[in-house]
N, C-alpha and C. Protein backbone atom coordinates (compact mmCIF):
# COMPACT_ATOMS: atom_id res chain seq x y z
N UNK A 1 -9.21 -39.41 -11.12
CA UNK A 1 -8.80 -38.26 -11.99
C UNK A 1 -9.20 -37.56 -11.11
N UNK A 2 -10.22 -37.96 -10.57
CA UNK A 2 -10.53 -36.80 -8.66
C UNK A 2 -9.55 -36.23 -8.13
N UNK A 3 -8.49 -37.66 -7.64
CA UNK A 3 -7.37 -36.96 -6.86
C UNK A 3 -6.34 -36.12 -7.56
N UNK A 4 -6.11 -36.26 -9.13
CA UNK A 4 -5.46 -35.46 -9.95
C UNK A 4 -5.39 -34.35 -9.46
N UNK A 5 -7.24 -33.93 -9.67
CA UNK A 5 -7.96 -32.63 -9.85
C UNK A 5 -7.69 -31.67 -8.64
N UNK A 6 -7.51 -32.65 -7.48
CA UNK A 6 -7.74 -31.76 -5.95
C UNK A 6 -6.63 -31.92 -5.84
N UNK A 7 -5.35 -31.96 -6.39
CA UNK A 7 -3.85 -32.38 -6.05
C UNK A 7 -3.79 -30.91 -6.76
N UNK A 8 -4.07 -30.78 -8.03
CA UNK A 8 -3.51 -29.40 -9.10
C UNK A 8 -3.96 -28.26 -8.29
N UNK A 9 -5.60 -28.89 -7.36
CA UNK A 9 -6.28 -27.43 -6.70
C UNK A 9 -5.58 -26.74 -5.59
N UNK A 10 -4.83 -27.71 -5.15
CA UNK A 10 -4.06 -27.45 -3.70
C UNK A 10 -2.79 -27.08 -4.43
N UNK A 11 -2.32 -27.46 -5.25
CA UNK A 11 -1.05 -27.22 -5.76
C UNK A 11 -1.06 -25.52 -6.50
N UNK A 12 -2.04 -25.03 -6.70
CA UNK A 12 -2.41 -23.75 -7.32
C UNK A 12 -2.24 -23.36 -6.21
N UNK A 13 -3.08 -23.32 -4.87
CA UNK A 13 -2.89 -22.88 -3.54
C UNK A 13 -1.79 -22.58 -3.40
N UNK A 14 -1.13 -23.22 -3.04
CA UNK A 14 0.68 -23.11 -3.12
C UNK A 14 1.27 -22.50 -3.58
N UNK A 15 1.19 -22.30 -4.84
CA UNK A 15 1.81 -21.17 -5.98
C UNK A 15 1.00 -20.09 -5.57
N UNK A 16 0.16 -19.62 -5.21
CA UNK A 16 -0.67 -18.38 -4.93
C UNK A 16 0.19 -17.81 -3.77
N UNK A 17 1.16 -18.58 -2.88
CA UNK A 17 1.55 -18.12 -2.26
C UNK A 17 3.21 -18.26 -2.05
N UNK A 18 3.60 -18.77 -3.42
CA UNK A 18 4.69 -18.39 -4.02
C UNK A 18 5.57 -19.92 -3.34
N UNK A 19 5.47 -20.97 -3.14
CA UNK A 19 5.56 -21.99 -2.36
C UNK A 19 6.16 -23.04 -3.56
N UNK A 20 5.22 -22.90 -4.41
CA UNK A 20 5.53 -24.42 -6.06
C UNK A 20 5.83 -23.76 -7.03
N UNK A 21 6.26 -24.14 -8.07
CA UNK A 21 6.21 -23.10 -9.11
C UNK A 21 5.13 -23.76 -9.63
N UNK A 22 4.71 -23.11 -11.21
CA UNK A 22 3.54 -23.46 -11.75
C UNK A 22 4.50 -25.38 -12.40
N UNK A 23 3.20 -26.08 -12.50
CA UNK A 23 3.17 -27.28 -13.05
C UNK A 23 3.39 -27.20 -14.34
N UNK A 24 4.66 -27.75 -14.80
CA UNK A 24 4.57 -27.51 -16.35
C UNK A 24 4.42 -28.57 -17.53
N UNK A 25 4.27 -28.78 -18.36
CA UNK A 25 3.89 -29.92 -19.59
C UNK A 25 4.21 -31.20 -19.00
N UNK A 26 5.13 -31.60 -18.21
CA UNK A 26 5.49 -32.58 -17.98
C UNK A 26 4.89 -32.95 -16.30
N UNK A 27 4.48 -32.53 -15.81
CA UNK A 27 3.48 -32.69 -14.48
C UNK A 27 4.82 -32.62 -13.70
N UNK A 28 6.08 -31.66 -13.95
CA UNK A 28 7.16 -31.65 -12.82
C UNK A 28 6.70 -30.23 -12.09
N UNK A 29 7.16 -29.94 -10.96
CA UNK A 29 7.33 -28.66 -10.41
C UNK A 29 8.17 -28.30 -9.42
N UNK A 30 8.55 -27.04 -9.08
CA UNK A 30 9.88 -27.04 -7.70
C UNK A 30 9.05 -26.18 -6.62
N UNK A 31 9.72 -26.78 -6.04
CA UNK A 31 9.12 -26.51 -4.87
C UNK A 31 10.17 -25.23 -3.81
N UNK A 32 10.15 -23.93 -3.69
CA UNK A 32 11.00 -22.93 -3.34
C UNK A 32 11.85 -23.48 -2.68
N UNK A 33 13.40 -23.15 -2.14
CA UNK A 33 14.40 -23.25 -1.54
C UNK A 33 13.89 -23.17 -0.34
N UNK A 34 12.73 -22.02 0.00
CA UNK A 34 13.08 -21.55 1.50
C UNK A 34 12.40 -22.69 2.32
N UNK A 35 11.21 -23.39 1.66
CA UNK A 35 10.62 -24.09 2.31
C UNK A 35 11.04 -25.67 2.45
N UNK A 36 12.26 -25.92 1.39
CA UNK A 36 13.41 -27.31 1.55
C UNK A 36 13.74 -27.00 2.94
N UNK A 37 14.19 -25.72 2.74
CA UNK A 37 14.66 -25.30 3.96
C UNK A 37 14.78 -25.46 5.60
N UNK A 38 13.08 -25.25 5.32
CA UNK A 38 12.27 -25.04 6.33
C UNK A 38 11.85 -26.95 6.55
N UNK A 39 12.04 -27.77 6.22
CA UNK A 39 11.56 -28.77 6.31
C UNK A 39 12.77 -29.61 6.81
N UNK A 40 13.73 -29.11 7.36
CA UNK A 40 14.52 -29.48 8.49
C UNK A 40 13.73 -29.34 9.95
N UNK A 41 13.69 -30.26 10.31
CA UNK A 41 13.21 -30.45 11.93
C UNK A 41 13.55 -29.41 12.65
N UNK A 42 14.51 -28.83 12.98
CA UNK A 42 15.18 -28.09 13.66
C UNK A 42 14.55 -26.69 13.17
N UNK A 43 15.17 -26.60 11.98
CA UNK A 43 14.95 -25.05 11.94
C UNK A 43 13.04 -24.61 11.56
N UNK A 44 11.86 -25.98 11.38
CA UNK A 44 10.68 -25.79 12.10
C UNK A 44 10.46 -25.84 13.50
N UNK A 45 11.33 -25.87 14.64
CA UNK A 45 11.30 -26.22 15.54
C UNK A 45 11.13 -24.63 16.36
N UNK A 46 12.59 -24.04 15.57
CA UNK A 46 12.85 -22.80 15.96
C UNK A 46 11.72 -21.75 15.06
N UNK A 47 11.38 -22.05 13.88
CA UNK A 47 10.24 -20.95 13.23
C UNK A 47 8.62 -21.18 14.37
N UNK A 48 8.42 -22.44 14.35
CA UNK A 48 7.65 -22.59 15.41
C UNK A 48 7.30 -22.35 16.94
N UNK A 49 8.71 -21.99 17.16
CA UNK A 49 9.06 -21.01 18.63
C UNK A 49 8.68 -19.91 18.42
N UNK A 50 9.30 -19.16 17.13
CA UNK A 50 9.38 -17.79 17.13
C UNK A 50 7.78 -17.28 17.18
N UNK A 51 7.07 -18.26 15.89
CA UNK A 51 5.54 -17.83 15.43
C UNK A 51 5.11 -16.80 17.35
N UNK A 52 5.35 -18.62 18.08
CA UNK A 52 4.53 -18.51 19.03
C UNK A 52 5.02 -17.67 19.83
N UNK A 53 6.08 -16.92 20.03
CA UNK A 53 6.97 -15.96 20.79
C UNK A 53 5.64 -14.46 20.27
N UNK A 54 5.46 -14.80 18.75
CA UNK A 54 5.03 -13.77 17.95
C UNK A 54 3.55 -13.40 18.63
N UNK A 55 2.94 -14.83 18.79
CA UNK A 55 1.61 -14.85 18.91
C UNK A 55 1.63 -13.97 20.82
N UNK A 56 2.36 -14.60 21.45
CA UNK A 56 2.37 -14.13 22.43
C UNK A 56 2.21 -12.56 22.80
N UNK A 57 2.73 -11.77 22.22
CA UNK A 57 3.39 -10.32 21.99
C UNK A 57 1.85 -9.91 21.60
N UNK A 58 1.83 -10.29 20.85
CA UNK A 58 0.09 -9.87 20.53
C UNK A 58 -0.83 -9.87 21.41
N UNK A 59 -1.04 -11.12 21.95
CA UNK A 59 -2.39 -11.24 23.08
C UNK A 59 -1.69 -10.72 24.22
N UNK A 60 -0.69 -10.17 24.68
CA UNK A 60 -0.32 -8.94 26.15
C UNK A 60 -0.50 -7.75 25.09
N UNK A 61 -0.24 -7.49 24.27
CA UNK A 61 -0.54 -5.72 23.41
C UNK A 61 -1.79 -5.92 23.19
N UNK A 62 -3.03 -6.91 23.06
CA UNK A 62 -4.25 -6.47 22.77
C UNK A 62 -5.06 -6.59 24.34
N UNK A 63 -3.99 -7.64 24.85
CA UNK A 63 -4.64 -7.43 26.66
C UNK A 63 -4.45 -6.04 27.27
N UNK A 64 -3.28 -5.07 27.07
CA UNK A 64 -3.24 -3.90 27.32
C UNK A 64 -3.42 -3.06 26.87
N UNK A 65 -4.11 -3.53 25.53
CA UNK A 65 -5.09 -2.34 24.96
C UNK A 65 -6.52 -2.56 25.59
N UNK A 66 -6.97 -3.46 25.98
CA UNK A 66 -8.13 -3.42 26.50
C UNK A 66 -7.99 -3.17 27.89
N UNK A 67 -7.30 -3.20 28.55
CA UNK A 67 -7.18 -2.85 30.10
C UNK A 67 -7.60 -1.27 29.92
N UNK A 68 -7.04 -0.63 28.97
CA UNK A 68 -6.46 1.10 28.90
C UNK A 68 -7.88 1.64 28.53
N UNK A 69 -8.96 0.48 28.30
CA UNK A 69 -10.05 1.22 27.51
C UNK A 69 -11.51 1.39 29.12
């Protein structure tokens, strides 16, 4: 019973980000298409590389801003 409650709480957190639909009366839900697309390992690697690049850009920008002070 605790596992089910925990699962539903986690699903509700994902639903808040529109990753999954609401659990229906038959305990079914829909995983959004974008998530299914990202589940492809090649797509995930591309996404991670892009996010790392964005992180590096922010770090460089922050460093330049601090250097000006």
